[in-house]
N, C-alpha and C. Protein backbone atom coordinates (compact mmCIF):
# COMPACT_ATOMS: atom_id res chain seq x y z
N UNK A 1 120.10 127.51 87.52
CA UNK A 1 120.23 126.76 88.67
C UNK A 1 119.03 126.97 89.61
N UNK A 2 118.59 128.31 89.68
CA UNK A 2 117.38 128.56 90.65
C UNK A 2 116.18 127.67 90.09
N UNK A 3 116.06 127.76 88.80
CA UNK A 3 115.04 127.23 87.93
C UNK A 3 114.84 125.72 88.50
N UNK A 4 116.07 124.97 88.43
CA UNK A 4 116.25 123.52 88.84
C UNK A 4 115.81 123.36 90.34
N UNK A 5 116.08 124.19 91.08
CA UNK A 5 115.68 124.16 92.68
C UNK A 5 114.22 124.33 92.73
N UNK A 6 113.62 125.31 91.97
CA UNK A 6 112.37 125.59 92.07
C UNK A 6 111.49 124.14 91.58
N UNK A 7 111.97 123.60 90.44
CA UNK A 7 111.29 122.34 90.03
C UNK A 7 111.45 121.38 90.94
N UNK A 8 112.64 121.11 91.64
CA UNK A 8 112.71 120.17 92.69
C UNK A 8 111.78 120.36 93.91
N UNK A 9 111.77 121.59 94.31
CA UNK A 9 111.08 122.10 95.38
C UNK A 9 109.43 121.51 95.06
N UNK A 10 109.07 121.95 93.95
CA UNK A 10 107.71 121.79 93.36
C UNK A 10 107.57 120.26 93.40
N UNK A 11 108.23 119.44 92.77
CA UNK A 11 108.11 118.07 92.68
C UNK A 11 107.89 117.35 94.12
N UNK A 12 108.85 118.03 95.10
CA UNK A 12 108.76 117.47 96.42
C UNK A 12 107.40 117.76 97.10
N UNK A 13 106.94 118.98 96.86
CA UNK A 13 105.82 119.36 97.42
C UNK A 13 104.57 118.62 96.99
N UNK A 14 104.57 118.32 95.51
CA UNK A 14 103.52 117.59 94.67
C UNK A 14 103.52 116.19 95.45
N UNK A 15 104.70 115.56 95.57
CA UNK A 15 104.70 114.31 96.16
C UNK A 15 104.18 114.13 97.47
N UNK A 16 104.69 115.24 98.40
CA UNK A 16 104.17 115.23 99.85
C UNK A 16 102.61 115.31 99.88
N UNK A 17 101.97 116.12 99.02
CA UNK A 17 100.60 116.17 98.84
C UNK A 17 99.93 114.94 98.43
N UNK A 18 100.47 114.05 97.44
CA UNK A 18 99.98 112.92 97.10
C UNK A 18 100.10 111.91 98.29
N UNK A 19 101.21 112.06 98.87
CA UNK A 19 101.48 110.92 100.17
C UNK A 19 100.45 111.31 101.17
N UNK A 20 100.09 112.57 101.35
CA UNK A 20 99.14 112.85 102.58
C UNK A 20 97.87 112.32 102.19
N UNK A 21 97.48 112.36 101.04
CA UNK A 21 96.12 112.18 100.34
C UNK A 21 96.02 110.57 100.33
N UNK A 22 97.10 109.82 100.12
CA UNK A 22 97.02 108.53 100.16
C UNK A 22 96.87 107.99 101.50
N UNK A 23 97.52 108.56 102.39
CA UNK A 23 97.55 108.11 103.91
C UNK A 23 96.18 108.36 104.57
N UNK A 24 95.42 109.51 104.04
CA UNK A 24 93.95 109.59 104.46
C UNK A 24 93.26 108.47 103.92
N UNK A 25 93.27 108.42 102.57
CA UNK A 25 92.56 107.18 101.81
C UNK A 25 92.86 105.97 102.52
N UNK A 26 94.04 105.60 102.90
CA UNK A 26 94.29 104.32 103.48
C UNK A 26 93.69 104.16 104.80
N UNK A 27 93.71 105.32 105.58
CA UNK A 27 93.05 105.26 106.86
C UNK A 27 91.59 104.98 106.86
N UNK A 28 91.07 105.63 105.75
CA UNK A 28 89.54 105.46 105.61
C UNK A 28 89.23 103.94 105.03
N UNK A 29 90.14 103.58 104.25
CA UNK A 29 89.78 102.33 103.56
C UNK A 29 90.04 101.31 104.78
N UNK A 30 91.01 101.39 105.69
CA UNK A 30 90.94 100.44 106.91
C UNK A 30 89.86 100.34 107.61
N UNK A 31 89.30 101.76 107.85
CA UNK A 31 88.17 101.80 108.80
C UNK A 31 86.86 101.16 107.99
N UNK A 32 86.81 101.40 106.60
CA UNK A 32 85.80 101.03 105.98
C UNK A 32 86.03 99.22 105.83
N UNK A 33 87.04 98.81 105.70
CA UNK A 33 87.39 97.40 105.45
C UNK A 33 87.00 96.84 106.86
N UNK A 34 87.31 97.36 108.04
CA UNK A 34 86.98 96.96 109.27
C UNK A 34 85.48 96.74 109.50
N UNK A 35 84.76 97.85 109.13
CA UNK A 35 83.16 97.91 109.20
C UNK A 35 82.57 96.96 108.39
N UNK A 36 83.22 96.74 107.12
CA UNK A 36 82.66 95.66 106.20
C UNK A 36 82.91 94.24 106.93
N UNK A 37 84.07 94.19 107.54
CA UNK A 37 84.36 92.73 108.13
C UNK A 37 83.37 92.56 109.12
N UNK A 38 83.17 93.37 110.10
CA UNK A 38 82.36 93.22 111.23
C UNK A 38 81.04 92.91 110.77
N UNK A 39 80.50 93.75 109.85
CA UNK A 39 79.15 93.41 109.30
C UNK A 39 79.08 91.97 108.69
N UNK A 40 80.11 91.70 107.90
CA UNK A 40 80.08 90.21 107.19
C UNK A 40 80.13 89.06 108.28
N UNK A 41 80.99 89.29 109.35
CA UNK A 41 81.09 88.30 110.49
C UNK A 41 79.63 88.12 111.12
N UNK A 42 78.86 89.13 111.42
CA UNK A 42 77.65 88.97 111.95
C UNK A 42 76.74 88.14 110.85
N UNK A 43 76.69 88.61 109.72
CA UNK A 43 76.04 87.74 108.83
C UNK A 43 76.48 86.29 108.56
N UNK A 44 77.86 86.09 108.77
CA UNK A 44 78.34 84.69 108.68
C UNK A 44 77.76 84.04 109.86
N UNK A 45 77.95 84.47 110.94
CA UNK A 45 77.68 83.78 112.27
C UNK A 45 76.17 83.53 112.18
N UNK A 46 75.26 84.48 111.91
CA UNK A 46 74.01 84.11 111.69
C UNK A 46 73.62 82.90 110.71
N UNK A 47 74.27 83.03 109.39
CA UNK A 47 73.94 81.99 108.68
C UNK A 47 74.60 80.71 109.15
N UNK A 48 75.57 80.69 109.51
CA UNK A 48 76.32 79.41 110.08
C UNK A 48 75.34 78.98 111.29
N UNK A 49 74.98 79.68 112.15
CA UNK A 49 73.94 79.30 113.17
C UNK A 49 72.73 78.60 112.63
N UNK A 50 72.11 79.19 111.74
CA UNK A 50 70.88 78.63 111.13
C UNK A 50 70.98 77.59 110.20
N UNK A 51 72.20 77.38 109.86
CA UNK A 51 72.35 76.37 108.66
C UNK A 51 71.88 74.97 109.16
N UNK A 52 72.06 74.23 110.13
CA UNK A 52 71.65 73.09 110.49
C UNK A 52 70.02 73.01 110.30
N UNK A 53 69.47 74.08 110.92
CA UNK A 53 67.83 73.99 110.90
C UNK A 53 67.45 74.10 109.55
N UNK A 54 68.08 75.10 108.60
CA UNK A 54 67.55 75.51 107.47
C UNK A 54 67.83 74.09 106.51
N UNK A 55 68.85 73.30 106.72
CA UNK A 55 69.04 72.23 105.95
C UNK A 55 67.87 71.12 106.36
N UNK A 56 67.30 71.14 107.41
CA UNK A 56 66.29 70.15 107.64
C UNK A 56 65.15 70.81 106.90
N UNK A 57 64.74 72.09 107.00
CA UNK A 57 63.63 72.50 106.53
C UNK A 57 63.72 72.39 105.05
N UNK A 58 64.76 72.69 104.47
CA UNK A 58 64.97 72.41 102.92
C UNK A 58 64.63 71.11 102.64
N UNK A 59 64.83 70.08 103.32
CA UNK A 59 64.64 68.66 102.94
C UNK A 59 62.94 68.65 102.90
N UNK A 60 62.30 69.29 103.86
CA UNK A 60 60.96 69.22 103.83
C UNK A 60 60.34 69.97 102.78
N UNK A 61 60.70 71.37 102.62
CA UNK A 61 60.06 72.18 101.60
C UNK A 61 60.63 72.51 100.44
N UNK A 62 62.04 72.61 100.66
CA UNK A 62 63.07 72.96 99.41
C UNK A 62 62.55 74.07 98.60
N UNK A 63 61.76 74.93 98.78
CA UNK A 63 61.61 75.93 98.02
C UNK A 63 62.16 77.44 98.51
N UNK A 64 61.34 78.14 99.24
CA UNK A 64 61.74 79.31 99.55
C UNK A 64 63.08 79.50 100.62
N UNK A 65 63.07 78.51 101.45
CA UNK A 65 64.29 78.48 102.35
C UNK A 65 65.57 78.26 101.77
N UNK A 66 65.74 77.33 100.70
CA UNK A 66 66.82 77.11 99.86
C UNK A 66 67.16 78.44 99.27
N UNK A 67 66.26 79.15 98.63
CA UNK A 67 66.61 80.47 97.84
C UNK A 67 67.18 81.40 99.02
N UNK A 68 66.42 81.44 100.01
CA UNK A 68 66.80 82.52 101.12
C UNK A 68 68.32 82.03 101.59
N UNK A 69 68.60 80.90 101.67
CA UNK A 69 70.04 80.68 102.13
C UNK A 69 70.95 80.95 101.05
N UNK A 70 70.50 80.70 99.76
CA UNK A 70 71.52 80.90 98.73
C UNK A 70 71.70 82.52 98.64
N UNK A 71 70.67 83.19 98.77
CA UNK A 71 70.86 84.76 98.65
C UNK A 71 71.58 85.27 99.91
N UNK A 72 71.37 84.66 101.05
CA UNK A 72 72.37 85.04 102.38
C UNK A 72 73.82 84.72 101.86
N UNK A 73 74.11 83.72 101.34
CA UNK A 73 75.19 83.29 101.11
C UNK A 73 75.91 84.17 99.97
N UNK A 74 75.31 84.44 98.98
CA UNK A 74 75.68 85.27 97.75
C UNK A 74 75.93 86.72 98.29
N UNK A 75 75.27 87.09 99.45
CA UNK A 75 75.46 88.46 100.02
C UNK A 75 76.77 88.50 100.57
N UNK A 76 77.17 87.48 101.56
CA UNK A 76 78.46 87.31 102.21
C UNK A 76 79.58 87.22 101.05
N UNK A 77 79.36 86.43 100.11
CA UNK A 77 80.39 86.17 99.02
C UNK A 77 80.69 87.55 98.48
N UNK A 78 79.58 88.32 98.20
CA UNK A 78 79.70 89.66 97.34
C UNK A 78 80.59 90.68 98.43
N UNK A 79 80.26 90.65 99.66
CA UNK A 79 80.83 91.27 100.82
C UNK A 79 82.16 90.98 100.79
N UNK A 80 82.61 89.72 100.76
CA UNK A 80 83.99 89.44 100.73
C UNK A 80 84.68 89.91 99.54
N UNK A 81 83.91 89.90 98.47
CA UNK A 81 84.78 90.52 97.26
C UNK A 81 84.95 91.99 97.38
N UNK A 82 84.09 92.66 97.88
CA UNK A 82 84.08 94.17 98.09
C UNK A 82 85.25 94.45 99.14
N UNK A 83 85.41 93.51 100.26
CA UNK A 83 86.45 93.71 101.08
C UNK A 83 87.85 93.50 100.36
N UNK A 84 87.98 92.54 99.60
CA UNK A 84 89.17 92.25 98.92
C UNK A 84 89.63 93.52 98.12
N UNK A 85 88.66 94.18 97.58
CA UNK A 85 88.89 95.27 96.75
C UNK A 85 89.49 96.44 97.56
N UNK A 86 88.89 96.66 98.94
CA UNK A 86 89.45 97.52 99.71
C UNK A 86 90.80 97.30 100.42
N UNK A 87 91.24 95.93 100.44
CA UNK A 87 92.45 95.77 100.66
C UNK A 87 93.40 95.66 99.76
């Protein structure tokens, strides 16, 4: 009987430890996700603000500006993917 109690106590202790570890990881993930979101929002606003001007420049030169725009959009897309994994 005492052995069963010890097993239950050990199981509860292990679950409590896992719960505490997960709580910390979730808190850190929330912070990391928030920071990632804020960084992506800055990039998005910058890209969105520059898009009309870049469209005009692309029509004239079509080279590096288009590639720069694609790279910026890809970085934001990748950031959104990282954020989804955090959530």
